């Protein structure tokens, strides 16, 4: 590859990680996705089920996000209540892990004081 304005060709080694909620194999059959691009991307497919299909991961994810956002926001939230975890586990999370992450972040930001317990109503 050549950098803009450079005259030297440089060797690069890159990996592309792509995610989609569309079945690309079907899209190729329907003619809505390029077959050559599909085969370039499909070297090592990783299929992750939606969060609603792996609800048992939610408590660990909530704990991870609480610890992460405590550091980022200077808070000391000690965890989620049992009621909150039950609520979060029952929800379908159409936005998947990113939606759960945003919900926990909002709760941490809105937590009163330095030490609180995350509770959803």
Protein backbone atom coordinates (compact mmCIF):
# COMPACT_ATOMS: atom_id res chain seq x y z
CA UNK A 1 0.00 0.00 0.00
CA UNK A 2 1.07 3.58 -0.53
CA UNK A 3 0.39 6.36 1.95
CA UNK A 4 -1.15 9.51 0.53
CA UNK A 5 1.69 11.70 -0.71
CA UNK A 6 4.33 8.98 -0.26
CA UNK A 7 6.26 7.34 -3.07
CA UNK A 8 7.21 4.17 -1.20
CA UNK A 9 5.13 1.01 -1.23
CA UNK A 10 4.79 -0.49 2.26
CA UNK A 11 3.79 -4.00 3.16
CA UNK A 12 0.84 -4.21 5.55
CA UNK A 13 -0.66 -7.08 7.51
CA UNK A 14 -4.27 -6.52 8.53
CA UNK A 15 -7.15 -8.53 9.87
CA UNK A 16 -10.75 -7.54 9.27
CA UNK A 17 -13.42 -8.37 11.81
CA UNK A 18 -16.93 -7.71 10.55
CA UNK A 19 -20.27 -8.15 12.26
CA UNK A 20 -23.78 -8.19 10.89
CA UNK A 21 -27.26 -9.25 11.85
CA UNK A 22 -27.92 -10.37 8.27
CA UNK A 23 -27.33 -13.91 7.07
CA UNK A 24 -24.71 -13.12 4.43
CA UNK A 25 -24.91 -16.56 2.79
CA UNK A 26 -28.62 -15.90 2.12
CA UNK A 27 -27.83 -12.36 0.97
CA UNK A 28 -25.37 -13.76 -1.58
CA UNK A 29 -28.04 -16.17 -2.87
CA UNK A 30 -30.53 -13.27 -3.12
CA UNK A 31 -27.97 -11.14 -4.96
CA UNK A 32 -27.92 -8.41 -2.30
CA UNK A 33 -24.34 -9.08 -1.13
CA UNK A 34 -21.24 -9.58 -3.28
CA UNK A 35 -20.13 -13.20 -3.37
CA UNK A 36 -16.42 -12.35 -3.64
CA UNK A 37 -16.62 -10.13 -0.57
CA UNK A 38 -18.49 -12.84 1.33
CA UNK A 39 -15.70 -15.34 0.72
CA UNK A 40 -13.04 -12.81 1.72
CA UNK A 41 -14.84 -12.14 5.00
CA UNK A 42 -15.90 -15.73 5.70
CA UNK A 43 -12.42 -17.18 6.28
CA UNK A 44 -13.01 -17.78 9.99
CA UNK A 45 -16.66 -17.22 10.91
CA UNK A 46 -17.57 -16.70 14.55
CA UNK A 47 -21.24 -16.96 15.32
CA UNK A 48 -22.42 -15.45 18.59
CA UNK A 49 -26.01 -15.94 19.63
CA UNK A 50 -28.08 -12.91 20.62
CA UNK A 51 -27.97 -11.94 24.29
CA UNK A 52 -31.60 -13.05 24.72
CA UNK A 53 -30.41 -16.56 23.80
CA UNK A 54 -27.68 -16.56 26.47
CA UNK A 55 -29.30 -14.87 29.43
CA UNK A 56 -26.98 -16.69 31.81
CA UNK A 57 -24.21 -14.30 30.68
CA UNK A 58 -26.10 -11.20 31.82
CA UNK A 59 -25.03 -11.16 35.52
CA UNK A 60 -21.36 -11.48 34.59
CA UNK A 61 -21.69 -8.77 31.95
CA UNK A 62 -23.46 -6.45 34.40
CA UNK A 63 -20.69 -7.01 36.96
CA UNK A 64 -18.03 -6.31 34.33
CA UNK A 65 -19.73 -3.10 33.19
CA UNK A 66 -20.24 -1.89 36.79
CA UNK A 67 -16.53 -2.37 37.56
CA UNK A 68 -15.48 -0.69 34.31
CA UNK A 69 -17.79 2.30 34.66
CA UNK A 70 -16.94 2.72 38.35
CA UNK A 71 -13.36 3.36 37.27
CA UNK A 72 -14.32 5.62 34.36
CA UNK A 73 -16.81 7.67 36.37
CA UNK A 74 -15.10 7.67 39.78
CA UNK A 75 -17.97 5.79 41.41
CA UNK A 76 -18.07 2.91 43.87
CA UNK A 77 -21.27 1.08 42.97
CA UNK A 78 -21.10 -2.27 44.74
CA UNK A 79 -23.29 -4.27 42.38
CA UNK A 80 -26.77 -4.89 41.10
CA UNK A 81 -29.59 -5.99 43.38
CA UNK A 82 -31.17 -9.42 42.90
CA UNK A 83 -34.32 -7.68 41.67
CA UNK A 84 -32.34 -5.71 39.13
CA UNK A 85 -30.56 -8.80 37.84
CA UNK A 86 -33.92 -10.60 37.54
CA UNK A 87 -35.30 -7.66 35.55
CA UNK A 88 -32.24 -7.44 33.30
CA UNK A 89 -32.22 -11.19 32.72
CA UNK A 90 -35.91 -11.23 31.77
CA UNK A 91 -35.55 -8.43 29.20
CA UNK A 92 -34.98 -9.45 25.54
CA UNK A 93 -32.21 -6.89 24.75
CA UNK A 94 -32.96 -6.17 21.08
CA UNK A 95 -29.80 -4.03 21.03
CA UNK A 96 -27.79 -6.95 22.43
CA UNK A 97 -24.73 -6.41 24.65
CA UNK A 98 -24.28 -2.78 23.58
CA UNK A 99 -27.79 -1.95 24.83
CA UNK A 100 -27.07 -3.67 28.17
CA UNK A 101 -23.77 -1.81 28.41
CA UNK A 102 -25.53 1.52 27.84
CA UNK A 103 -28.19 0.72 30.45
CA UNK A 104 -25.55 -0.08 33.08
CA UNK A 105 -23.57 3.03 32.14
CA UNK A 106 -26.64 5.23 32.59
CA UNK A 107 -27.28 3.66 35.99
CA UNK A 108 -23.69 4.28 37.11
CA UNK A 109 -23.72 7.88 35.90
CA UNK A 110 -27.01 8.54 37.70
CA UNK A 111 -26.02 6.74 40.92
CA UNK A 112 -26.15 9.10 43.93
CA UNK A 113 -22.98 9.56 45.90
CA UNK A 114 -19.84 7.48 45.55
CA UNK A 115 -21.27 4.23 46.88
CA UNK A 116 -24.62 2.96 45.67
CA UNK A 117 -26.40 -0.14 44.49
CA UNK A 118 -27.76 -0.27 40.95
CA UNK A 119 -31.52 -0.68 41.06
CA UNK A 120 -33.94 -0.54 38.12
CA UNK A 121 -37.63 0.17 38.61
